[in-house]
């Protein structure tokens, strides 16, 4: 359930950030794939991928009998800051400053 809430907030954050529904939907699906490709090819990113990539950070939580450690919870929290809170904060700032039409 926590992962679903994270994904919903991530979608809302991208929508507010881009202010364009098709671009937000494309970004929601394409940006994580690009991040996975970077994690697979760039050694600096692959060493820190659990702290940067949302998909990798969520893997320990997807098992039926998941018992994530404290470090895995911290990795999920840090990636949620990158992928959810920052786009949401910048997007809400953009929406607040946008001219009313």
N, C-alpha and C. Protein backbone atom coordinates (compact mmCIF):
# COMPACT_ATOMS: atom_id res chain seq x y z
N UNK A 1 0.82 -1.18 0.00
CA UNK A 1 0.00 0.00 0.00
C UNK A 1 0.87 1.26 0.00
N UNK A 2 1.98 1.21 0.72
CA UNK A 2 2.89 2.36 0.76
C UNK A 2 3.44 2.65 -0.63
N UNK A 3 3.79 1.60 -1.35
CA UNK A 3 4.33 1.80 -2.70
C UNK A 3 3.30 2.42 -3.64
N UNK A 4 2.04 2.04 -3.50
CA UNK A 4 1.00 2.62 -4.34
C UNK A 4 0.81 4.10 -4.05
N UNK A 5 0.86 4.47 -2.78
CA UNK A 5 0.75 5.88 -2.40
C UNK A 5 1.94 6.66 -2.97
N UNK A 6 3.12 6.06 -2.91
CA UNK A 6 4.31 6.72 -3.48
C UNK A 6 4.13 6.94 -4.98
N UNK A 7 3.62 5.92 -5.68
CA UNK A 7 3.42 6.07 -7.13
C UNK A 7 2.36 7.13 -7.45
N UNK A 8 1.30 7.20 -6.67
CA UNK A 8 0.27 8.21 -6.92
C UNK A 8 0.85 9.60 -6.71
N UNK A 9 1.58 9.80 -5.61
CA UNK A 9 2.19 11.10 -5.35
C UNK A 9 3.24 11.44 -6.40
N UNK A 10 3.93 10.43 -6.90
CA UNK A 10 4.91 10.66 -7.96
C UNK A 10 4.20 11.14 -9.23
N UNK A 11 3.07 10.54 -9.57
CA UNK A 11 2.31 10.97 -10.73
C UNK A 11 1.77 12.38 -10.57
N UNK A 12 1.27 12.71 -9.40
CA UNK A 12 0.78 14.06 -9.14
C UNK A 12 1.93 15.06 -9.22
N UNK A 13 3.08 14.66 -8.66
CA UNK A 13 4.25 15.54 -8.71
C UNK A 13 4.70 15.81 -10.13
N UNK A 14 4.76 14.78 -10.96
CA UNK A 14 5.14 14.97 -12.36
C UNK A 14 4.12 15.82 -13.09
N UNK A 15 2.83 15.61 -12.80
CA UNK A 15 1.79 16.41 -13.43
C UNK A 15 1.92 17.88 -13.08
N UNK A 16 2.19 18.16 -11.80
CA UNK A 16 2.35 19.55 -11.38
C UNK A 16 3.66 20.14 -11.90
N UNK A 17 4.69 19.32 -11.98
CA UNK A 17 5.99 19.80 -12.45
C UNK A 17 5.96 20.18 -13.92
N UNK A 18 5.40 19.31 -14.75
CA UNK A 18 5.41 19.55 -16.19
C UNK A 18 4.24 20.41 -16.68
N UNK A 19 3.16 20.48 -15.90
CA UNK A 19 1.96 21.24 -16.27
C UNK A 19 1.43 20.85 -17.64
N UNK A 20 1.59 19.58 -17.97
CA UNK A 20 1.16 19.06 -19.26
C UNK A 20 0.89 17.57 -19.05
N UNK A 21 -0.36 17.15 -19.21
CA UNK A 21 -0.73 15.78 -18.89
C UNK A 21 0.02 14.75 -19.74
N UNK A 22 0.07 14.87 -21.07
CA UNK A 22 0.80 13.87 -21.85
C UNK A 22 2.28 13.80 -21.49
N UNK A 23 2.90 14.95 -21.26
CA UNK A 23 4.30 14.97 -20.88
C UNK A 23 4.51 14.34 -19.50
N UNK A 24 3.59 14.58 -18.58
CA UNK A 24 3.69 13.99 -17.24
C UNK A 24 3.55 12.47 -17.29
N UNK A 25 2.62 11.98 -18.09
CA UNK A 25 2.45 10.52 -18.23
C UNK A 25 3.68 9.90 -18.86
N UNK A 26 4.20 10.53 -19.91
CA UNK A 26 5.41 10.02 -20.55
C UNK A 26 6.58 10.06 -19.58
N UNK A 27 6.72 11.15 -18.84
CA UNK A 27 7.80 11.25 -17.87
C UNK A 27 7.69 10.22 -16.76
N UNK A 28 6.46 9.94 -16.34
CA UNK A 28 6.23 8.94 -15.29
C UNK A 28 6.73 7.57 -15.70
N UNK A 29 6.59 7.24 -16.98
CA UNK A 29 7.02 5.93 -17.45
C UNK A 29 8.44 5.92 -18.01
N UNK A 30 8.87 7.00 -18.64
CA UNK A 30 10.16 7.02 -19.32
C UNK A 30 11.32 7.33 -18.37
N UNK A 31 11.16 8.29 -17.46
CA UNK A 31 12.27 8.67 -16.58
C UNK A 31 12.79 7.52 -15.71
N UNK A 32 11.92 6.68 -15.12
CA UNK A 32 12.46 5.53 -14.39
C UNK A 32 13.22 4.53 -15.28
N UNK A 33 12.76 4.37 -16.52
CA UNK A 33 13.47 3.47 -17.44
C UNK A 33 14.85 4.03 -17.76
N UNK A 34 14.93 5.33 -18.00
CA UNK A 34 16.22 5.97 -18.26
C UNK A 34 17.14 5.81 -17.05
N UNK A 35 16.57 5.97 -15.86
CA UNK A 35 17.36 5.80 -14.64
C UNK A 35 17.88 4.37 -14.51
N UNK A 36 17.05 3.38 -14.85
CA UNK A 36 17.49 1.99 -14.82
C UNK A 36 18.62 1.74 -15.82
N UNK A 37 18.52 2.33 -17.00
CA UNK A 37 19.58 2.17 -18.00
C UNK A 37 20.88 2.81 -17.51
N UNK A 38 20.77 3.98 -16.91
CA UNK A 38 21.97 4.62 -16.35
C UNK A 38 22.57 3.79 -15.23
N UNK A 39 21.71 3.22 -14.39
CA UNK A 39 22.21 2.39 -13.29
C UNK A 39 22.90 1.13 -13.81
N UNK A 40 22.48 0.65 -14.97
CA UNK A 40 23.09 -0.55 -15.54
C UNK A 40 24.39 -0.25 -16.27
N UNK A 41 24.57 0.98 -16.72
CA UNK A 41 25.74 1.28 -17.55
C UNK A 41 26.79 2.16 -16.88
N UNK A 42 26.39 3.05 -16.00
CA UNK A 42 27.34 3.96 -15.36
C UNK A 42 27.72 3.40 -13.99
N UNK A 43 29.00 3.17 -13.79
CA UNK A 43 29.43 2.52 -12.55
C UNK A 43 29.17 3.37 -11.32
N UNK A 44 29.34 4.69 -11.42
CA UNK A 44 29.10 5.55 -10.27
C UNK A 44 27.65 5.45 -9.81
N UNK A 45 26.73 5.40 -10.77
CA UNK A 45 25.31 5.30 -10.43
C UNK A 45 24.97 3.89 -9.96
N UNK A 46 25.54 2.88 -10.58
CA UNK A 46 25.21 1.50 -10.20
C UNK A 46 25.65 1.18 -8.78
N UNK A 47 26.73 1.81 -8.32
CA UNK A 47 27.16 1.60 -6.93
C UNK A 47 26.20 2.22 -5.93
N UNK A 48 25.50 3.26 -6.33
CA UNK A 48 24.59 3.98 -5.44
C UNK A 48 23.14 3.88 -5.91
N UNK A 49 22.83 2.92 -6.73
CA UNK A 49 21.52 2.85 -7.38
C UNK A 49 20.37 2.71 -6.38
N UNK A 50 20.58 2.01 -5.29
CA UNK A 50 19.50 1.83 -4.32
C UNK A 50 19.14 3.14 -3.63
N UNK A 51 20.04 4.11 -3.67
CA UNK A 51 19.79 5.42 -3.06
C UNK A 51 19.28 6.44 -4.07
N UNK A 52 19.31 6.09 -5.37
CA UNK A 52 18.92 7.03 -6.41
C UNK A 52 17.71 6.53 -7.20
N UNK A 53 17.68 5.25 -7.53
CA UNK A 53 16.66 4.69 -8.41
C UNK A 53 15.47 4.17 -7.61
N UNK A 54 14.30 4.70 -7.89
CA UNK A 54 13.09 4.32 -7.18
C UNK A 54 12.75 2.85 -7.36
N UNK A 55 12.93 2.32 -8.56
CA UNK A 55 12.60 0.93 -8.83
C UNK A 55 13.47 -0.03 -8.03
N UNK A 56 14.75 0.23 -7.97
CA UNK A 56 15.66 -0.63 -7.22
C UNK A 56 15.40 -0.53 -5.73
N UNK A 57 15.07 0.66 -5.26
CA UNK A 57 14.79 0.84 -3.83
C UNK A 57 13.51 0.13 -3.41
N UNK A 58 12.58 -0.05 -4.34
CA UNK A 58 11.30 -0.68 -4.00
C UNK A 58 11.33 -2.20 -4.10
N UNK A 59 12.34 -2.78 -4.70
CA UNK A 59 12.39 -4.23 -4.88
C UNK A 59 12.26 -5.02 -3.57
N UNK A 60 12.94 -4.64 -2.48
CA UNK A 60 12.80 -5.44 -1.25
C UNK A 60 11.38 -5.42 -0.67
N UNK A 61 10.55 -4.49 -1.08
CA UNK A 61 9.20 -4.37 -0.54
C UNK A 61 8.17 -5.14 -1.35
N UNK A 62 8.56 -5.67 -2.50
CA UNK A 62 7.60 -6.30 -3.40
C UNK A 62 7.41 -7.79 -3.16
N UNK A 63 8.25 -8.39 -2.36
CA UNK A 63 8.10 -9.82 -2.07
C UNK A 63 6.92 -10.03 -1.12
N UNK A 64 6.28 -11.18 -1.22
CA UNK A 64 5.14 -11.49 -0.36
C UNK A 64 5.55 -11.53 1.10
N UNK A 65 6.67 -12.14 1.38
CA UNK A 65 7.14 -12.26 2.77
C UNK A 65 8.25 -11.24 3.05
N UNK A 66 8.07 -10.03 2.54
CA UNK A 66 9.10 -8.99 2.66
C UNK A 66 9.29 -8.58 4.12
N UNK A 67 10.55 -8.48 4.50
CA UNK A 67 10.93 -7.98 5.82
C UNK A 67 12.09 -7.01 5.62
N UNK A 68 11.79 -5.80 5.11
CA UNK A 68 12.86 -4.86 4.79
C UNK A 68 13.62 -4.42 6.04
N UNK A 69 14.90 -4.18 5.83
CA UNK A 69 15.76 -3.71 6.91
C UNK A 69 15.63 -2.20 7.06
N UNK A 70 16.25 -1.67 8.08
CA UNK A 70 16.23 -0.22 8.29
C UNK A 70 16.91 0.52 7.16
N UNK A 71 17.99 -0.06 6.63
CA UNK A 71 18.68 0.58 5.50
C UNK A 71 17.79 0.61 4.27
N UNK A 72 17.03 -0.45 4.03
CA UNK A 72 16.14 -0.48 2.87
C UNK A 72 15.00 0.53 3.02
N UNK A 73 14.52 0.73 4.23
CA UNK A 73 13.52 1.78 4.47
C UNK A 73 14.13 3.15 4.22
N UNK A 74 15.37 3.33 4.65
CA UNK A 74 16.05 4.61 4.41
C UNK A 74 16.25 4.84 2.92
N UNK A 75 16.61 3.81 2.17
CA UNK A 75 16.78 3.95 0.73
C UNK A 75 15.46 4.32 0.06
N UNK A 76 14.36 3.72 0.51
CA UNK A 76 13.05 4.07 -0.03
C UNK A 76 12.71 5.52 0.29
N UNK A 77 13.03 5.96 1.49
CA UNK A 77 12.77 7.34 1.87
C UNK A 77 13.58 8.33 1.05
N UNK A 78 14.85 8.03 0.84
CA UNK A 78 15.72 8.94 0.07
C UNK A 78 15.28 8.99 -1.39
N UNK A 79 14.97 7.84 -1.98
CA UNK A 79 14.52 7.86 -3.38
C UNK A 79 13.16 8.54 -3.51
N UNK A 80 12.34 8.44 -2.48
CA UNK A 80 11.05 9.13 -2.52
C UNK A 80 11.25 10.64 -2.47
N UNK A 81 12.28 11.09 -1.79
CA UNK A 81 12.58 12.52 -1.81
C UNK A 81 12.93 12.95 -3.23
N UNK A 82 13.79 12.17 -3.91
CA UNK A 82 14.21 12.52 -5.28
C UNK A 82 13.05 12.45 -6.26
N UNK A 83 12.24 11.38 -6.18
CA UNK A 83 11.25 11.11 -7.21
C UNK A 83 9.85 11.63 -6.87
N UNK A 84 9.58 11.96 -5.60
CA UNK A 84 8.23 12.39 -5.22
C UNK A 84 8.24 13.80 -4.65
N UNK A 85 8.97 14.01 -3.58
CA UNK A 85 8.89 15.29 -2.88
C UNK A 85 9.45 16.46 -3.68
N UNK A 86 10.58 16.29 -4.32
CA UNK A 86 11.16 17.39 -5.09
C UNK A 86 10.28 17.76 -6.29
N UNK A 87 9.84 16.79 -7.13
CA UNK A 87 8.93 17.17 -8.22
C UNK A 87 7.62 17.77 -7.70
N UNK A 88 7.11 17.24 -6.58
CA UNK A 88 5.86 17.76 -6.03
C UNK A 88 6.05 19.19 -5.52
N UNK A 89 7.13 19.45 -4.83
CA UNK A 89 7.38 20.80 -4.31
C UNK A 89 7.59 21.81 -5.44
N UNK A 90 8.41 21.45 -6.41
CA UNK A 90 8.65 22.36 -7.54
C UNK A 90 7.37 22.55 -8.35
N UNK A 91 6.62 21.46 -8.54
CA UNK A 91 5.37 21.55 -9.28
C UNK A 91 4.33 22.41 -8.58
N UNK A 92 4.21 22.26 -7.27
CA UNK A 92 3.26 23.10 -6.53
C UNK A 92 3.69 24.56 -6.55
N UNK A 93 4.99 24.80 -6.51
CA UNK A 93 5.49 26.17 -6.63
C UNK A 93 5.14 26.74 -8.00
N UNK A 94 5.30 25.92 -9.06
CA UNK A 94 4.96 26.38 -10.41
C UNK A 94 3.46 26.65 -10.54
N UNK A 95 2.64 25.78 -9.96
CA UNK A 95 1.19 25.96 -10.04
C UNK A 95 0.78 27.23 -9.29
N UNK A 96 1.40 27.48 -8.15
CA UNK A 96 1.06 28.67 -7.37
C UNK A 96 1.46 29.95 -8.09
N UNK A 97 2.50 29.93 -8.88
CA UNK A 97 2.96 31.12 -9.59
C UNK A 97 2.38 31.27 -10.98
N UNK A 98 1.63 30.27 -11.41
CA UNK A 98 1.06 30.30 -12.76
C UNK A 98 -0.06 31.31 -12.85
N UNK A 99 -0.14 31.94 -14.00
CA UNK A 99 -1.18 32.93 -14.24
C UNK A 99 -2.53 32.23 -14.36
N UNK A 100 -3.53 32.78 -13.71
CA UNK A 100 -4.88 32.22 -13.78
C UNK A 100 -5.48 32.57 -15.14
N UNK A 101 -6.01 31.55 -15.81
CA UNK A 101 -6.58 31.77 -17.15
C UNK A 101 -8.08 31.57 -17.12
